[in-house]
Protein backbone atom coordinates (compact mmCIF):
# COMPACT_ATOMS: atom_id res chain seq x y z
CA MET A 1 -119.50 -14.32 26.92
CA THR A 2 -121.42 -11.41 25.42
CA GLU A 3 -119.49 -9.07 22.48
CA SER A 4 -119.63 -5.95 25.00
CA HIS A 5 -118.16 -8.57 27.83
CA GLU A 6 -115.12 -9.48 25.43
CA LEU A 7 -114.65 -5.74 24.44
CA VAL A 8 -114.44 -4.54 28.08
CA SER A 9 -111.95 -7.48 28.97
CA ALA A 10 -110.25 -6.93 25.86
CA TYR A 11 -109.50 -3.19 26.79
CA ASP A 12 -108.79 -4.34 30.41
CA ALA A 13 -106.31 -6.56 29.22
CA LEU A 14 -104.54 -3.69 27.36
CA ALA A 15 -104.49 -1.36 30.46
CA LYS A 16 -103.20 -4.00 32.28
CA SER A 17 -100.36 -5.22 29.64
CA LEU A 18 -99.45 -1.10 28.89
CA ASP A 19 -99.30 -0.64 33.00
CA SER A 20 -96.73 -3.95 33.60
CA PHE A 21 -94.58 -3.27 30.54
CA CYS A 22 -94.35 0.65 31.98
CA SER A 23 -93.07 -0.42 35.28
CA GLU A 24 -91.51 -2.76 34.38
CA LEU A 25 -89.30 0.25 32.23
CA GLN A 26 -89.26 2.26 35.85
CA THR A 27 -87.70 -0.54 37.43
CA GLN A 28 -84.75 -1.15 34.75
CA ASN A 29 -84.34 2.02 34.35
CA PRO A 30 -82.46 1.69 31.03
CA ALA A 31 -80.33 3.68 28.62
CA CYS A 32 -82.93 6.60 27.47
CA TRP A 33 -83.01 9.54 24.99
CA VAL A 34 -86.23 11.24 23.29
CA ALA A 35 -87.18 14.87 21.82
CA MET A 36 -88.15 17.28 24.76
CA ASP A 37 -90.07 20.52 23.90
CA GLU A 38 -89.73 23.84 25.21
CA GLY A 39 -90.32 23.76 29.31
CA GLU A 40 -89.28 20.10 29.30
CA ASP A 41 -85.88 20.68 30.62
CA GLY A 42 -86.75 18.68 34.22
CA ILE A 43 -88.16 16.18 32.61
CA PRO A 44 -86.54 12.43 32.87
CA HIS A 45 -86.33 11.33 29.31
CA LEU A 46 -87.34 8.08 30.50
CA THR A 47 -90.34 9.47 32.65
CA LYS A 48 -91.51 11.41 29.08
CA ALA A 49 -90.98 8.15 27.47
CA ILE A 50 -93.10 5.84 29.65
CA SER A 51 -95.82 8.77 29.72
CA TYR A 52 -96.20 8.61 25.91
CA TYR A 53 -96.64 4.60 25.60
CA ARG A 54 -99.09 4.94 28.65
CA ASP A 55 -101.22 7.20 26.46
CA ILE A 56 -104.14 6.20 25.28
CA TRP A 57 -106.42 8.78 26.09
CA TYR A 58 -107.39 12.60 25.14
CA LYS A 59 -106.33 15.59 27.27
CA GLY A 60 -109.61 17.60 28.09
CA ASP A 61 -108.92 20.48 25.31
CA GLN A 62 -107.17 18.14 22.81
CA ASP A 63 -108.84 18.61 19.04
CA GLY A 64 -110.15 15.34 18.41
CA ARG A 65 -108.05 15.30 15.19
CA GLU A 66 -104.54 15.50 17.12
CA THR A 67 -102.73 12.59 18.02
CA ARG A 68 -99.63 13.17 20.75
CA SER A 69 -96.50 11.83 19.45
CA CYS A 70 -92.60 11.51 20.53
CA TYR A 71 -89.70 10.39 18.93
CA GLY A 72 -86.77 8.39 20.56
CA LEU A 73 -84.91 5.79 21.70
CA VAL A 74 -85.30 3.43 24.50
CA LEU A 75 -82.70 0.36 25.34
CA ALA A 76 -84.55 -2.94 26.10
CA ASN A 77 -83.29 -6.32 27.29
CA GLN A 78 -85.70 -9.29 26.35
CA LYS A 79 -87.98 -9.22 28.68
CA LEU A 80 -88.91 -5.54 28.10
CA ILE A 81 -88.97 -6.72 24.28
CA GLU A 82 -91.59 -9.69 25.09
CA LEU A 83 -94.14 -7.70 27.39
CA ALA A 84 -93.99 -4.67 24.89
CA GLN A 85 -95.18 -7.43 22.22
CA GLN A 86 -97.78 -8.96 24.06
CA THR A 87 -98.82 -5.30 24.84
CA ASN A 88 -98.75 -4.95 20.80
CA GLN A 89 -100.72 -8.15 19.96
CA LEU A 90 -103.89 -7.04 22.85
CA LYS A 91 -103.85 -3.60 21.05
CA ASP A 92 -104.67 -5.06 17.55
CA GLU A 93 -107.07 -7.54 19.70
CA PHE A 94 -108.85 -4.54 21.05
CA LYS A 95 -108.79 -3.12 17.68
CA THR A 96 -110.77 -5.84 16.30
CA HIS A 97 -113.29 -5.69 18.93
CA VAL A 98 -113.63 -1.85 18.63
CA GLN A 99 -114.59 -2.29 14.77
CA SER A 100 -116.40 -4.88 14.84
CA ILE A 101 -118.98 -3.31 16.93
CA GLN A 102 -118.45 -0.08 14.67
CA LYS A 103 -119.32 -1.60 12.07
CA ARG A 104 -122.70 -3.21 13.45
CA ASP A 105 -123.91 -0.52 15.55
CA LYS A 106 -122.02 2.79 15.69
CA ASP A 107 -125.03 3.93 18.73
CA TYR A 108 -124.04 0.88 21.09
CA TRP A 109 -120.25 1.09 20.69
CA LEU A 110 -120.53 5.14 22.01
CA ALA A 111 -122.63 3.65 24.61
CA LEU A 112 -119.66 1.28 25.57
CA LYS A 113 -116.84 3.71 24.86
CA ALA A 114 -118.74 5.79 27.70
CA GLN A 115 -118.26 2.68 29.95
CA LEU A 116 -114.51 2.12 28.66
CA ASN A 117 -113.89 6.08 29.47
CA LYS A 118 -114.94 5.41 32.90
CA ARG A 119 -112.17 2.70 33.46
CA HIS A 120 -108.71 2.50 34.87
CA GLN A 121 -108.56 5.93 36.60
CA ASN A 122 -105.65 4.82 38.31
CA LEU A 123 -103.58 4.48 34.96
CA ARG A 124 -104.56 7.91 33.67
CA GLU A 125 -102.84 8.87 36.70
CA LYS A 126 -99.34 7.82 36.42
CA LEU A 127 -99.27 10.15 33.30
CA TYR A 128 -97.65 13.67 33.95
CA PHE A 129 -100.54 14.85 31.63
CA ASN A 130 -103.72 16.26 33.57
CA GLY A 131 -107.56 16.08 32.63
CA LEU A 132 -107.56 12.68 30.46
CA ALA A 133 -110.87 11.20 30.73
CA ARG A 134 -111.61 10.35 26.64
CA LEU A 135 -110.42 7.01 25.06
CA HIS A 136 -108.10 7.96 21.96
CA LEU A 137 -108.38 5.03 19.67
CA LYS A 138 -105.63 5.99 17.13
CA GLN A 139 -103.40 6.20 20.32
CA ALA A 140 -104.31 2.92 21.63
CA TYR A 141 -104.22 1.23 18.63
CA ARG A 142 -100.57 2.33 17.68
CA HIS A 143 -97.90 -0.02 18.24
CA ILE A 144 -94.89 0.33 20.20
CA PRO A 145 -92.05 0.02 17.35
CA ILE A 146 -89.57 -2.36 18.02
CA PRO A 147 -86.56 -2.73 15.40
CA GLU A 148 -85.92 -6.68 14.42
CA GLN A 149 -82.20 -6.06 16.11
CA TRP A 150 -79.99 -3.92 17.25
CA PRO A 151 -78.92 -0.96 14.41
CA ASP A 152 -75.66 0.10 14.14
CA LYS A 153 -77.33 3.82 13.04
CA ILE A 154 -80.53 5.60 13.32
CA GLY A 155 -81.44 8.67 11.47
CA PHE A 156 -84.95 10.59 12.31
CA THR A 157 -86.38 12.74 9.74
CA TRP A 158 -89.55 14.40 8.81
CA TYR A 159 -92.02 12.89 6.61
CA SER A 160 -94.60 15.92 5.78
CA ASN A 161 -95.60 14.72 1.81
CA GLY A 162 -97.31 11.82 2.50
CA ARG A 163 -100.74 11.76 1.37
CA SER A 164 -103.45 8.57 0.78
CA ILE A 165 -104.93 8.42 -2.66
CA LYS A 166 -108.44 6.93 -3.20
CA LYS A 167 -109.91 5.93 -6.42
CA LEU A 168 -113.99 7.27 -7.06
CA SER A 169 -116.07 6.50 -9.90
CA VAL A 170 -118.55 9.28 -11.03
CA GLU A 171 -121.19 7.69 -9.50
CA GLN A 172 -119.68 7.58 -6.18
CA ALA A 173 -118.91 11.28 -5.98
CA GLU A 174 -121.90 11.57 -7.13
CA LYS A 175 -123.68 10.16 -4.51
CA LYS A 176 -121.02 12.05 -1.99
CA LEU A 177 -122.09 15.34 -2.96
CA LEU A 178 -125.37 14.77 -3.11
CA ALA A 179 -125.20 13.62 0.44
CA MET A 180 -123.81 17.02 1.55
CA GLY A 181 -126.87 18.83 0.39
CA GLU A 182 -128.26 18.70 -3.44
CA ASP A 183 -129.75 22.70 -2.74
CA LYS A 184 -126.43 24.51 -1.97
CA ALA A 185 -125.18 26.60 -4.81
CA HIS A 186 -121.80 25.24 -5.01
CA ILE A 187 -122.65 21.57 -4.75
CA GLN A 188 -124.69 22.57 -7.47
CA ALA A 189 -121.63 23.83 -9.58
CA GLN A 190 -119.96 21.05 -8.88
CA LEU A 191 -122.39 18.37 -9.72
CA GLN A 192 -122.87 20.45 -13.42
CA LYS A 193 -118.91 19.50 -13.81
CA LEU A 194 -119.48 16.16 -12.81
CA TYR A 195 -122.20 15.59 -15.02
CA THR A 196 -119.57 16.63 -18.18
CA LEU A 197 -117.78 13.65 -17.17
CA PRO A 198 -118.39 10.07 -18.77
CA GLU A 199 -119.75 7.79 -16.55
CA HIS A 200 -116.35 5.12 -17.32
CA GLU A 201 -114.09 7.97 -15.83
CA VAL A 202 -112.23 7.70 -12.46
CA LEU A 203 -110.96 10.44 -9.98
CA ALA A 204 -108.63 10.59 -7.27
CA GLN A 205 -109.74 11.73 -3.96
CA ILE A 206 -106.72 12.81 -1.93
CA GLN A 207 -106.26 13.00 1.54
CA THR A 208 -102.92 14.98 3.00
CA GLN A 209 -101.75 13.15 5.76
CA VAL A 210 -100.27 14.78 9.40
CA PRO A 211 -96.30 15.24 9.41
CA LEU A 212 -94.94 12.41 11.01
CA VAL A 213 -91.23 11.41 12.05
CA ARG A 214 -89.99 8.60 10.32
CA ALA A 215 -86.46 6.69 11.41
CA ASN A 216 -84.35 5.55 8.60
CA LEU A 217 -82.20 2.17 10.28
CA VAL A 218 -78.92 0.67 9.41
CA TYR A 219 -77.52 -2.06 9.70
CA LYS A 220 -74.19 -3.49 8.98
CA ASN A 221 -73.73 -7.18 9.03
CA LEU A 222 -71.55 -9.92 8.00
CA ASN A 223 -72.82 -12.14 4.86
CA ASP A 224 -71.99 -15.99 4.38
CA LYS A 225 -68.46 -14.95 2.78
CA GLY A 226 -67.72 -12.76 6.15
CA VAL A 227 -67.97 -9.82 4.16
CA SER A 228 -69.96 -6.54 5.62
CA GLU A 229 -73.01 -5.53 4.36
CA THR A 230 -75.72 -2.59 4.69
CA THR A 231 -78.94 -3.12 4.75
CA ARG A 232 -81.83 -0.41 5.33
CA LYS A 233 -85.62 -0.16 6.54
CA ALA A 234 -87.69 3.15 7.29
CA MET A 235 -90.20 2.65 10.42
CA ASN A 236 -92.66 5.68 11.12
CA VAL A 237 -92.40 6.43 14.71
CA ALA A 238 -95.26 7.33 16.84
CA LEU A 239 -94.03 6.40 19.74
CA PRO A 240 -90.13 5.88 21.32
CA LEU A 241 -88.42 3.06 19.56
CA LEU A 242 -87.79 0.21 21.78
CA ILE A 243 -84.12 -1.00 20.69
CA PRO A 244 -83.16 -4.39 21.50
CA ALA A 245 -80.04 -4.78 23.58
CA ASP A 246 -79.29 -8.07 21.23
CA LYS A 247 -75.84 -6.77 19.89
CA PHE A 248 -74.40 -3.82 22.38
CA PRO A 249 -75.59 -2.68 25.75
CA PHE A 250 -75.93 1.00 24.44
CA LEU A 251 -77.69 3.36 22.30
CA PRO A 252 -77.08 3.19 18.52
CA GLU A 253 -75.77 6.40 16.62
CA PHE A 254 -78.74 8.77 16.30
CA ASN A 255 -79.29 12.24 15.10
CA GLN A 256 -81.91 14.80 16.36
CA ILE A 257 -84.48 17.15 14.37
CA SER A 258 -86.17 20.40 14.36
CA SER A 259 -89.44 19.98 16.77
CA THR A 260 -91.66 21.00 14.19
CA PRO A 261 -91.83 19.83 10.68
CA PRO A 262 -90.29 21.90 7.20
CA GLU A 263 -93.34 24.03 6.24
CA GLU A 264 -91.85 23.69 2.27
CA ARG A 265 -91.63 20.36 0.57
CA THR A 266 -88.55 18.69 1.20
CA ARG A 267 -88.61 16.35 -2.14
CA LEU A 268 -89.05 17.53 -6.29
CA PRO A 269 -92.52 16.13 -7.50
CA ARG A 270 -92.34 13.38 -9.16
CA ASN A 271 -92.40 13.95 -13.37
CA ASP A 272 -94.41 11.21 -13.58
CA PHE A 273 -97.26 12.06 -10.98
CA LYS A 274 -100.48 10.87 -12.86
CA ILE A 275 -102.99 13.28 -11.00
CA GLU A 276 -103.71 16.89 -12.53
CA ASN A 277 -102.49 19.92 -10.75
CA ASP A 278 -105.67 21.92 -9.61
CA VAL A 279 -108.78 20.09 -7.61
CA PHE A 280 -111.99 19.38 -10.09
CA LEU A 281 -114.59 18.78 -7.23
CA PRO A 282 -113.29 21.20 -4.01
CA SER A 283 -115.75 19.78 -1.68
CA LEU A 284 -114.55 16.00 -2.03
CA ARG A 285 -110.83 16.85 -2.78
CA THR A 286 -111.34 14.90 -5.83
CA TYR A 287 -108.98 15.29 -8.77
CA ARG A 288 -108.82 13.84 -12.55
CA TYR A 289 -106.25 11.80 -13.88
CA LYS A 290 -103.93 13.43 -17.02
């Protein structure tokens, strides 16, 4: 089987698994709560949850950098859990095929992606969104979140302070700036600043991450001595949590948060943060270490 056939087969298997999972959800109609946006009062909560589980495509007017998300809770028996786990595994397999082709030949990937975009029209039509046409890889890759067991309490919070930090050498920073256009005045100015540094210095390239909802799960279990112990676990949730109904046949206690993240930082900056406050190379979002 050729790599293109393997990719299409992986995509078909993922779409089929998603459809089976969501159809079973529709049939069982379990307890469910999801955050609703303005104007969605008439939409059943489970209908919205299913639409987000199914949604692996861009809307017609969606920004290429935007990833739609929805937090909430859906109670699930063992059959639903197994279908979701199978879907998550197929998401990983599809991702592996895509990244393998992307790494080797981007033009070939774009041709294959155009082929994938034309498949599974029936699945797209089951969404209440309109105008879906293009495959959205980040939405296709993300897992259906499944806690290990029924939590006693869930606290949803906005996490809006996230950022990734990548270390850059002076040589790497120079190559990136030159690729942006050595003849440009603002690039020349940044190159001159860069050339004042010793060759061995390491810089920090910072990428601010989009705000996301985090679920703080609280578990209360008895230890070997019969004493109740509380443990906590945090999960990022772009999709509604699938709550295993292994302890109680109802949703755990949870809170609701605002529909938009706070505009200001909710945490104090760390005193031991070792990166300077002022950006050193603006075009690369790169800072010096203190």
